[in-house]
Structure formats: structure tokens, C-alpha cells
């Protein structure tokens, strides 16, 4: 009853300026991420309502030589049927899929992937999350298989693919001495069904409203 997230939200994606402009001018030219360490599986990633974090991400990529001109593209998003890891119902779905995947790996004499720290990560946040990514992708694959089998047997199915994945992450060092609040806390969104992205935009720069009000509205006594 409450599985579909009906509201529109704003997401921000850190990227090169050329990528931002391409998405705004040609919104169907979307490239999904398929890295083995993607935190929420494969799809297009956004920071939920977090422009600053998206810009930090883009600037960090420039510093690593991955992009030339850091920028942020905004998107209006409907999460649709969301595998929302802020909801206990969905968190409880993951262990059974992990167990199935572990059994498959064992039968094939394959080693399970692991979440590992990035080089020089002083906070040990395990940012290379190949295990998490593999389990989430395994889940999506199993659901797709169930859909295909259902259609083959019955001619139709009530099973649905997830349109998006959403997670909250604590990351980085404490914001002050002894704090339980970390400096990189964020909500991340992975869009799998690109129809959930209703449009892209170039974020506006915030204006000083008090100053703007003074300059644009005639003051009456």
C-alpha cells in the first residue's frame, strides 16, 4: 500500500560541465553507472537535496584527474517503486538474497566480493562496496527472473521491478570533537528506471532575498 513513493523530489548529480550541459540539452542521453563498487547497485546516482555534496564530489573527481570542469546538474525525480533502505521492510529483504548469492558462489567455488577501504581513507568508511553492490544487483536479477518465469507460466505477472534504490549513509569524520554526527552524512538515490527522471536543470545561484527585495519592490511609507 505504501511501497510507491508518489512525490517529486530534487536530486543533484556531480559531474563535468560538459556532461551537465549535455543532459540539460539532451535529457535522453543518460549514462548509468555500472561500477562494481556502486553503493546502491547500478543506475544513475543523485544526492538527495544536497547540492553542496554533489559539488564536493565533482571537485574531488577533478582532483583525481577524472573530469576537467566540475559542475552539478539538478533533476526532478519520482522514485516510483523504491527499494528504500530508510524503510525496515526493505532492509529485511537483503539477508535472504545475500544467503542465496552466497550459496551460488559456494557452488561455483567463487569468492564473495568484499567491501573495502579506499587507499588513504583515514576514516575507514569502506567506500568500495563491491559486496553491497553485488547483493543488490543479485536481488534485482532474481526479481527479473521471477517475472520472466511468471509470465512464461501464467502469461502475466504481478511482480514488479524496483524503479529506484535509496539509502542513508554516515560517512567521514565527526563534525566536532565527540560528535555522533559525521561530516559527510547524506541520502543517496540510484535511479534504475530512467522514466523516473522527469527532467534536468542547471541549478540557480541563491540570491540575497533581503537585498533583492530592497532593490525590486517599491517601499511605501
C-alpha atoms as a PDB file:
ATOM      1  CA  UNK A   1       0.000   0.000   0.000  1.00  0.00           C
ATOM      2  CA  UNK A   2       2.840   2.407   0.830  1.00  0.00           C
ATOM      3  CA  UNK A   3       5.513   0.975  -1.495  1.00  0.00           C
ATOM      4  CA  UNK A   4       5.269   3.556  -4.275  1.00  0.00           C
ATOM      5  CA  UNK A   5       6.825   6.930  -3.444  1.00  0.00           C
ATOM      6  CA  UNK A   6       4.470   9.357  -5.241  1.00  0.00           C
ATOM      7  CA  UNK A   7       6.106  12.722  -4.509  1.00  0.00           C
ATOM      8  CA  UNK A   8       8.588  14.560  -6.685  1.00  0.00           C
ATOM      9  CA  UNK A   9      11.996  15.191  -5.126  1.00  0.00           C
ATOM     10  CA  UNK A  10      15.108  17.106  -6.171  1.00  0.00           C
ATOM     11  CA  UNK A  11      18.378  15.300  -6.728  1.00  0.00           C
ATOM     12  CA  UNK A  12      21.831  16.635  -7.619  1.00  0.00           C
ATOM     13  CA  UNK A  13      24.453  14.844  -9.693  1.00  0.00           C
ATOM     14  CA  UNK A  14      28.108  15.923  -9.608  1.00  0.00           C
ATOM     15  CA  UNK A  15      29.796  15.706 -12.997  1.00  0.00           C
ATOM     16  CA  UNK A  16      31.841  17.538 -15.623  1.00  0.00           C
ATOM     17  CA  UNK A  17      30.288  20.730 -17.004  1.00  0.00           C
ATOM     18  CA  UNK A  18      30.140  19.126 -20.460  1.00  0.00           C
ATOM     19  CA  UNK A  19      28.078  16.252 -19.029  1.00  0.00           C
ATOM     20  CA  UNK A  20      25.768  18.689 -17.240  1.00  0.00           C
ATOM     21  CA  UNK A  21      25.144  20.672 -20.415  1.00  0.00           C
ATOM     22  CA  UNK A  22      24.597  17.508 -22.468  1.00  0.00           C
ATOM     23  CA  UNK A  23      21.961  16.258 -20.032  1.00  0.00           C
ATOM     24  CA  UNK A  24      20.140  19.595 -19.961  1.00  0.00           C
ATOM     25  CA  UNK A  25      20.183  19.922 -23.765  1.00  0.00           C
ATOM     26  CA  UNK A  26      19.532  16.241 -24.500  1.00  0.00           C
ATOM     27  CA  UNK A  27      17.869  14.674 -21.432  1.00  0.00           C
ATOM     28  CA  UNK A  28      17.676  11.230 -23.065  1.00  0.00           C
ATOM     29  CA  UNK A  29      21.490  10.978 -23.254  1.00  0.00           C
ATOM     30  CA  UNK A  30      21.795   9.352 -19.824  1.00  0.00           C
ATOM     31  CA  UNK A  31      24.674   7.043 -18.945  1.00  0.00           C
ATOM     32  CA  UNK A  32      24.132   4.781 -15.956  1.00  0.00           C
ATOM     33  CA  UNK A  33      26.905   3.802 -13.568  1.00  0.00           C
ATOM     34  CA  UNK A  34      27.867   0.126 -13.655  1.00  0.00           C
ATOM     35  CA  UNK A  35      30.903   0.175 -11.392  1.00  0.00           C
ATOM     36  CA  UNK A  36      31.386  -2.996  -9.304  1.00  0.00           C
ATOM     37  CA  UNK A  37      31.599  -0.860  -6.141  1.00  0.00           C
ATOM     38  CA  UNK A  38      28.405   1.220  -6.635  1.00  0.00           C
ATOM     39  CA  UNK A  39      26.852   1.592  -3.193  1.00  0.00           C
ATOM     40  CA  UNK A  40      23.259   1.035  -4.303  1.00  0.00           C
ATOM     41  CA  UNK A  41      23.775  -1.098  -7.382  1.00  0.00           C
ATOM     42  CA  UNK A  42      23.763   0.133 -10.965  1.00  0.00           C
ATOM     43  CA  UNK A  43      21.888   3.180 -12.232  1.00  0.00           C
ATOM     44  CA  UNK A  44      22.159   6.969 -12.291  1.00  0.00           C
ATOM     45  CA  UNK A  45      23.162   8.461  -8.948  1.00  0.00           C
ATOM     46  CA  UNK A  46      21.933  11.564  -7.166  1.00  0.00           C
ATOM     47  CA  UNK A  47      22.494  13.229  -3.802  1.00  0.00           C
ATOM     48  CA  UNK A  48      19.017  13.906  -2.426  1.00  0.00           C
ATOM     49  CA  UNK A  49      18.514  17.665  -1.854  1.00  0.00           C
ATOM     50  CA  UNK A  50      22.268  18.094  -1.415  1.00  0.00           C
ATOM     51  CA  UNK A  51      23.842  20.462  -3.946  1.00  0.00           C
ATOM     52  CA  UNK A  52      26.980  21.054  -1.857  1.00  0.00           C
ATOM     53  CA  UNK A  53      27.762  17.332  -1.591  1.00  0.00           C
ATOM     54  CA  UNK A  54      27.296  16.892  -5.329  1.00  0.00           C
ATOM     55  CA  UNK A  55      29.705  19.769  -5.985  1.00  0.00           C
ATOM     56  CA  UNK A  56      32.236  18.369  -3.498  1.00  0.00           C
ATOM     57  CA  UNK A  57      32.029  15.042  -5.336  1.00  0.00           C
ATOM     58  CA  UNK A  58      32.663  16.693  -8.691  1.00  0.00           C
ATOM     59  CA  UNK A  59      35.599  18.688  -7.321  1.00  0.00           C
ATOM     60  CA  UNK A  60      37.111  15.537  -5.805  1.00  0.00           C
ATOM     61  CA  UNK A  61      36.854  13.836  -9.207  1.00  0.00           C
ATOM     62  CA  UNK A  62      38.661  16.782 -10.800  1.00  0.00           C
ATOM     63  CA  UNK A  63      41.407  16.500  -8.181  1.00  0.00           C
ATOM     64  CA  UNK A  64      41.806  12.823  -9.124  1.00  0.00           C
ATOM     65  CA  UNK A  65      42.063  13.763 -12.804  1.00  0.00           C
ATOM     66  CA  UNK A  66      38.732  12.139 -13.730  1.00  0.00           C
ATOM     67  CA  UNK A  67      36.997  15.288 -15.010  1.00  0.00           C
ATOM     68  CA  UNK A  68      38.098  18.751 -16.141  1.00  0.00           C
ATOM     69  CA  UNK A  69      35.420  21.238 -15.099  1.00  0.00           C
ATOM     70  CA  UNK A  70      33.363  20.296 -12.011  1.00  0.00           C
ATOM     71  CA  UNK A  71      29.657  21.118 -12.158  1.00  0.00           C
ATOM     72  CA  UNK A  72      26.291  19.976 -10.818  1.00  0.00           C
ATOM     73  CA  UNK A  73      23.139  19.062 -12.711  1.00  0.00           C
ATOM     74  CA  UNK A  74      19.818  19.047 -10.900  1.00  0.00           C
ATOM     75  CA  UNK A  75      16.974  16.641 -11.621  1.00  0.00           C
ATOM     76  CA  UNK A  76      13.307  16.398 -10.776  1.00  0.00           C
ATOM     77  CA  UNK A  77      12.689  12.787  -9.779  1.00  0.00           C
ATOM     78  CA  UNK A  78       9.823  10.482  -8.896  1.00  0.00           C
ATOM     79  CA  UNK A  79      11.176   7.437  -7.045  1.00  0.00           C
ATOM     80  CA  UNK A  80       8.300   5.182  -8.145  1.00  0.00           C
ATOM     81  CA  UNK A  81       8.561   1.697  -6.641  1.00  0.00           C
ATOM     82  CA  UNK A  82      11.585   2.359  -4.454  1.00  0.00           C
ATOM     83  CA  UNK A  83      13.789  -0.134  -2.632  1.00  0.00           C
ATOM     84  CA  UNK A  84      14.061   2.319   0.229  1.00  0.00           C
ATOM     85  CA  UNK A  85      16.645   1.418   2.849  1.00  0.00           C
ATOM     86  CA  UNK A  86      15.199   4.017   5.181  1.00  0.00           C
ATOM     87  CA  UNK A  87      12.270   1.568   5.461  1.00  0.00           C
ATOM     88  CA  UNK A  88      12.764  -1.520   7.658  1.00  0.00           C
ATOM     89  CA  UNK A  89      10.665  -3.640   5.280  1.00  0.00           C
ATOM     90  CA  UNK A  90      13.285  -3.403   2.567  1.00  0.00           C
ATOM     91  CA  UNK A  91      16.322  -3.768   4.802  1.00  0.00           C
ATOM     92  CA  UNK A  92      14.880  -7.130   5.920  1.00  0.00           C
ATOM     93  CA  UNK A  93      14.754  -8.287   2.294  1.00  0.00           C
ATOM     94  CA  UNK A  94      18.514  -8.171   1.823  1.00  0.00           C
ATOM     95  CA  UNK A  95      19.772 -11.013   4.091  1.00  0.00           C
ATOM     96  CA  UNK A  96      17.802 -13.768   2.256  1.00  0.00           C
ATOM     97  CA  UNK A  97      19.214 -12.586  -1.086  1.00  0.00           C
ATOM     98  CA  UNK A  98      22.693 -12.483   0.425  1.00  0.00           C
ATOM     99  CA  UNK A  99      22.235 -16.101   1.582  1.00  0.00           C
ATOM    100  CA  UNK A 100      21.106 -17.191  -1.892  1.00  0.00           C
ATOM    101  CA  UNK A 101      24.030 -15.407  -3.511  1.00  0.00           C
ATOM    102  CA  UNK A 102      26.489 -16.895  -1.027  1.00  0.00           C
ATOM    103  CA  UNK A 103      25.166 -20.393  -1.823  1.00  0.00           C
ATOM    104  CA  UNK A 104      25.532 -19.755  -5.572  1.00  0.00           C
ATOM    105  CA  UNK A 105      29.083 -18.528  -5.127  1.00  0.00           C
ATOM    106  CA  UNK A 106      29.909 -21.556  -2.978  1.00  0.00           C
ATOM    107  CA  UNK A 107      28.551 -23.985  -5.605  1.00  0.00           C
ATOM    108  CA  UNK A 108      30.689 -22.291  -8.240  1.00  0.00           C
ATOM    109  CA  UNK A 109      33.770 -22.181  -5.979  1.00  0.00           C
ATOM    110  CA  UNK A 110      33.843 -18.409  -6.325  1.00  0.00           C
ATOM    111  CA  UNK A 111      34.972 -15.984  -3.619  1.00  0.00           C
ATOM    112  CA  UNK A 112      32.413 -13.479  -2.407  1.00  0.00           C
ATOM    113  CA  UNK A 113      33.274  -9.842  -3.090  1.00  0.00           C
ATOM    114  CA  UNK A 114      34.059  -7.611  -0.121  1.00  0.00           C
ATOM    115  CA  UNK A 115      33.535  -4.022   0.938  1.00  0.00           C
ATOM    116  CA  UNK A 116      36.971  -2.463   1.345  1.00  0.00           C
ATOM    117  CA  UNK A 117      38.516   0.866   2.260  1.00  0.00           C
ATOM    118  CA  UNK A 118      39.804   3.175  -0.430  1.00  0.00           C
ATOM    119  CA  UNK A 119      43.544   3.879  -0.312  1.00  0.00           C
ATOM    120  CA  UNK A 120      44.369   6.684   2.148  1.00  0.00           C
ATOM    121  CA  UNK A 121      40.835   6.725   3.607  1.00  0.00           C
ATOM    122  CA  UNK A 122      41.608   7.735   7.208  1.00  0.00           C
ATOM    123  CA  UNK A 123      38.003   7.168   8.327  1.00  0.00           C
ATOM    124  CA  UNK A 124      37.802   3.567   7.027  1.00  0.00           C
ATOM    125  CA  UNK A 125      34.349   4.069   5.508  1.00  0.00           C
ATOM    126  CA  UNK A 126      34.582   1.023   3.220  1.00  0.00           C
ATOM    127  CA  UNK A 127      33.731   3.218   0.247  1.00  0.00           C
ATOM    128  CA  UNK A 128      34.489   0.463  -2.300  1.00  0.00           C
ATOM    129  CA  UNK A 129      31.359  -1.581  -1.682  1.00  0.00           C
ATOM    130  CA  UNK A 130      31.568  -4.495  -4.080  1.00  0.00           C
ATOM    131  CA  UNK A 131      29.712  -6.831  -1.702  1.00  0.00           C
ATOM    132  CA  UNK A 132      26.775  -4.457  -1.218  1.00  0.00           C
ATOM    133  CA  UNK A 133      26.594  -3.792  -4.950  1.00  0.00           C
ATOM    134  CA  UNK A 134      26.684  -7.496  -5.774  1.00  0.00           C
ATOM    135  CA  UNK A 135      23.902  -8.372  -3.323  1.00  0.00           C
ATOM    136  CA  UNK A 136      21.652  -5.563  -4.594  1.00  0.00           C
ATOM    137  CA  UNK A 137      22.284  -6.493  -8.228  1.00  0.00           C
ATOM    138  CA  UNK A 138      21.683 -10.167  -7.386  1.00  0.00           C
ATOM    139  CA  UNK A 139      18.329  -9.193  -5.868  1.00  0.00           C
ATOM    140  CA  UNK A 140      17.290  -7.259  -8.992  1.00  0.00           C
ATOM    141  CA  UNK A 141      18.367 -10.166 -11.184  1.00  0.00           C
ATOM    142  CA  UNK A 142      16.367 -12.681  -9.149  1.00  0.00           C
ATOM    143  CA  UNK A 143      13.265 -10.475  -9.258  1.00  0.00           C
ATOM    144  CA  UNK A 144      13.614 -10.129 -13.033  1.00  0.00           C
ATOM    145  CA  UNK A 145      13.949 -13.930 -13.313  1.00  0.00           C
ATOM    146  CA  UNK A 146      10.805 -14.407 -11.218  1.00  0.00           C
ATOM    147  CA  UNK A 147       8.932 -12.020 -13.524  1.00  0.00           C
ATOM    148  CA  UNK A 148      10.047 -13.899 -16.631  1.00  0.00           C
ATOM    149  CA  UNK A 149       9.113 -17.273 -15.122  1.00  0.00           C
ATOM    150  CA  UNK A 150       5.734 -15.968 -14.018  1.00  0.00           C
ATOM    151  CA  UNK A 151       4.955 -14.610 -17.489  1.00  0.00           C
ATOM    152  CA  UNK A 152       6.042 -17.886 -19.076  1.00  0.00           C
ATOM    153  CA  UNK A 153       3.808 -19.955 -16.786  1.00  0.00           C
ATOM    154  CA  UNK A 154       0.782 -17.682 -16.405  1.00  0.00           C
ATOM    155  CA  UNK A 155       1.016 -15.255 -19.286  1.00  0.00           C
ATOM    156  CA  UNK A 156       1.183 -12.300 -16.868  1.00  0.00           C
ATOM    157  CA  UNK A 157       2.706 -11.288 -13.541  1.00  0.00           C
ATOM    158  CA  UNK A 158       2.024  -9.127 -10.520  1.00  0.00           C
ATOM    159  CA  UNK A 159       5.734  -8.958  -9.643  1.00  0.00           C
ATOM    160  CA  UNK A 160       7.357  -5.584 -10.278  1.00  0.00           C
ATOM    161  CA  UNK A 161      10.915  -4.402 -10.787  1.00  0.00           C
ATOM    162  CA  UNK A 162      12.206  -1.691  -8.473  1.00  0.00           C
ATOM    163  CA  UNK A 163      12.438   1.704 -10.160  1.00  0.00           C
ATOM    164  CA  UNK A 164      14.966   3.135  -7.711  1.00  0.00           C
ATOM    165  CA  UNK A 165      17.085   2.431  -4.651  1.00  0.00           C
ATOM    166  CA  UNK A 166      17.520   4.879  -1.783  1.00  0.00           C
ATOM    167  CA  UNK A 167      19.896   4.729   1.179  1.00  0.00           C
ATOM    168  CA  UNK A 168      21.163   6.881   4.035  1.00  0.00           C
ATOM    169  CA  UNK A 169      24.876   6.797   4.750  1.00  0.00           C
ATOM    170  CA  UNK A 170      27.059   8.007   7.605  1.00  0.00           C
ATOM    171  CA  UNK A 171      30.486   8.895   6.301  1.00  0.00           C
ATOM    172  CA  UNK A 172      33.543  10.967   7.143  1.00  0.00           C
ATOM    173  CA  UNK A 173      34.843  12.282  10.449  1.00  0.00           C
ATOM    174  CA  UNK A 174      32.863  13.840  13.323  1.00  0.00           C
ATOM    175  CA  UNK A 175      31.766  17.435  12.756  1.00  0.00           C
ATOM    176  CA  UNK A 176      33.117  18.383  16.195  1.00  0.00           C
ATOM    177  CA  UNK A 177      35.040  16.613  18.949  1.00  0.00           C
ATOM    178  CA  UNK A 178      32.976  13.739  20.345  1.00  0.00           C
ATOM    179  CA  UNK A 179      30.129  14.226  17.840  1.00  0.00           C
ATOM    180  CA  UNK A 180      27.962  11.383  16.599  1.00  0.00           C
ATOM    181  CA  UNK A 181      27.181  13.490  13.529  1.00  0.00           C
ATOM    182  CA  UNK A 182      29.586  12.893  10.656  1.00  0.00           C
ATOM    183  CA  UNK A 183      30.657  15.491   8.123  1.00  0.00           C
ATOM    184  CA  UNK A 184      29.627  13.517   5.007  1.00  0.00           C
ATOM    185  CA  UNK A 185      26.242  12.141   6.110  1.00  0.00           C
ATOM    186  CA  UNK A 186      23.877  12.014   3.148  1.00  0.00           C
ATOM    187  CA  UNK A 187      20.960  10.360   1.403  1.00  0.00           C
ATOM    188  CA  UNK A 188      21.845   8.788  -1.901  1.00  0.00           C
ATOM    189  CA  UNK A 189      19.483   7.772  -4.706  1.00  0.00           C
ATOM    190  CA  UNK A 190      20.128   5.323  -7.517  1.00  0.00           C
ATOM    191  CA  UNK A 191      17.643   5.559 -10.389  1.00  0.00           C
ATOM    192  CA  UNK A 192      17.265   2.308 -12.347  1.00  0.00           C
ATOM    193  CA  UNK A 193      14.134   3.154 -14.339  1.00  0.00           C
ATOM    194  CA  UNK A 194      15.157   6.306 -16.194  1.00  0.00           C
ATOM    195  CA  UNK A 195      11.487   7.223 -16.685  1.00  0.00           C
ATOM    196  CA  UNK A 196      11.630   8.332 -13.034  1.00  0.00           C
ATOM    197  CA  UNK A 197      13.781  11.293 -14.089  1.00  0.00           C
ATOM    198  CA  UNK A 198      11.281  13.922 -15.203  1.00  0.00           C
ATOM    199  CA  UNK A 199      13.831  16.499 -16.294  1.00  0.00           C
ATOM    200  CA  UNK A 200      17.260  18.056 -15.742  1.00  0.00           C
ATOM    201  CA  UNK A 201      18.115  21.643 -14.889  1.00  0.00           C
ATOM    202  CA  UNK A 202      21.099  23.872 -14.181  1.00  0.00           C
ATOM    203  CA  UNK A 203      20.808  24.888 -10.509  1.00  0.00           C
ATOM    204  CA  UNK A 204      20.347  28.607  -9.917  1.00  0.00           C
ATOM    205  CA  UNK A 205      22.628  30.540  -7.598  1.00  0.00           C
ATOM    206  CA  UNK A 206      20.930  31.676  -4.418  1.00  0.00           C
ATOM    207  CA  UNK A 207      20.215  35.399  -4.175  1.00  0.00           C
ATOM    208  CA  UNK A 208      20.165  37.551  -1.051  1.00  0.00           C
ATOM    209  CA  UNK A 209      16.387  37.923  -0.776  1.00  0.00           C
ATOM    210  CA  UNK A 210      16.521  40.916   1.570  1.00  0.00           C
ATOM    211  CA  UNK A 211      18.799  42.780  -0.821  1.00  0.00           C
ATOM    212  CA  UNK A 212      16.732  41.742  -3.841  1.00  0.00           C
ATOM    213  CA  UNK A 213      13.523  42.821  -2.086  1.00  0.00           C
ATOM    214  CA  UNK A 214      15.030  46.221  -1.350  1.00  0.00           C
ATOM    215  CA  UNK A 215      16.107  46.708  -4.975  1.00  0.00           C
ATOM    216  CA  UNK A 216      12.990  45.366  -6.696  1.00  0.00           C
ATOM    217  CA  UNK A 217       9.981  46.283  -4.603  1.00  0.00           C
ATOM    218  CA  UNK A 218       8.987  49.886  -4.132  1.00  0.00           C
ATOM    219  CA  UNK A 219       8.837  50.621  -0.454  1.00  0.00           C
ATOM    220  CA  UNK A 220       5.792  52.529   0.718  1.00  0.00           C
ATOM    221  CA  UNK A 221       5.551  54.587   3.852  1.00  0.00           C
END
